[in-house]
Amino acid sequence: MKKTIKIEGMTCEHCSMKIKENLSEICGVSEVKVNLNLQTAEVQLAHDVETKKFEDKINSLGYKYQGII
């Protein structure tokens, strides 16, 4: 299963690495690919994960979760 998350506020490679590292820590996430230009994170899941977990993690890092696209 795959979800693509729209994220506002990423401005550099450090931002994308921070998002990748932190989303990878969520239980059920097997892979994360961040696209800085599109302001998205593509998340590969081993099993379904509540959307709220992604929203809370992203917002806690200082970025703005904009939803699943």
Protein backbone atom coordinates (compact mmCIF):
# COMPACT_ATOMS: atom_id res chain seq x y z
CA MET A 1 0.00 0.00 0.00
CA LYS A 2 1.22 3.48 -0.86
CA LYS A 3 0.14 6.96 0.21
CA THR A 4 1.35 10.30 -1.13
CA ILE A 5 1.31 13.13 1.39
CA LYS A 6 1.33 16.81 0.45
CA ILE A 7 3.58 18.84 2.79
CA GLU A 8 4.04 22.60 2.94
CA GLY A 9 7.21 24.27 4.16
CA MET A 10 10.05 22.09 2.90
CA THR A 11 12.72 24.38 1.46
CA CYS A 12 15.94 22.36 1.27
CA GLU A 13 17.54 18.92 1.29
CA HIS A 14 17.82 19.06 5.09
CA CYS A 15 14.03 19.47 5.27
CA SER A 16 13.41 16.46 3.06
CA MET A 17 15.84 14.30 5.07
CA LYS A 18 14.15 15.36 8.31
CA ILE A 19 10.74 14.38 6.91
CA LYS A 20 12.08 11.07 5.58
CA GLU A 21 13.77 10.10 8.84
CA ASN A 22 10.80 10.98 11.01
CA LEU A 23 8.10 9.39 8.85
CA SER A 24 10.23 6.23 8.68
CA GLU A 25 9.89 5.94 12.47
CA ILE A 26 6.11 5.44 12.28
CA CYS A 27 5.13 1.82 12.84
CA GLY A 28 3.99 0.27 9.56
CA VAL A 29 6.05 2.53 7.30
CA SER A 30 8.50 0.50 5.22
CA GLU A 31 9.87 3.20 2.87
CA VAL A 32 9.68 6.97 2.39
CA LYS A 33 10.57 8.96 -0.73
CA VAL A 34 10.46 12.75 -0.46
CA ASN A 35 10.11 15.00 -3.52
CA LEU A 36 11.23 18.49 -2.55
CA ASN A 37 10.07 20.06 -5.85
CA LEU A 38 6.54 18.64 -5.58
CA GLN A 39 6.44 19.12 -1.78
CA THR A 40 5.34 15.50 -1.28
CA ALA A 41 6.33 12.37 0.59
CA GLU A 42 5.50 9.00 -0.92
CA VAL A 43 5.10 6.48 1.89
CA GLN A 44 5.17 2.71 1.35
CA LEU A 45 3.22 0.87 4.04
CA ALA A 46 3.49 -2.68 5.36
CA HIS A 47 -0.06 -2.22 6.74
CA ASP A 48 -2.59 0.58 6.98
CA VAL A 49 -1.55 3.50 9.17
CA GLU A 50 -3.92 6.16 10.52
CA THR A 51 -3.65 9.40 8.55
CA LYS A 52 -3.61 11.31 11.86
CA LYS A 53 -0.20 9.80 12.70
CA PHE A 54 1.31 11.37 9.56
CA GLU A 55 -0.43 14.68 10.22
CA ASP A 56 0.76 14.85 13.84
CA LYS A 57 4.36 13.90 13.00
CA ILE A 58 4.69 16.40 10.12
CA ASN A 59 3.09 19.26 12.05
CA SER A 60 5.27 18.55 15.11
CA LEU A 61 8.36 19.02 12.93
CA GLY A 62 7.26 22.54 11.95
CA TYR A 63 5.89 21.70 8.50
CA LYS A 64 2.26 21.79 7.41
CA TYR A 65 0.45 18.55 6.59
CA GLN A 66 -1.86 19.26 3.65
CA GLY A 67 -3.45 15.86 3.16
CA ILE A 68 -3.20 12.65 1.18
CA ILE A 69 -3.22 13.18 -2.58
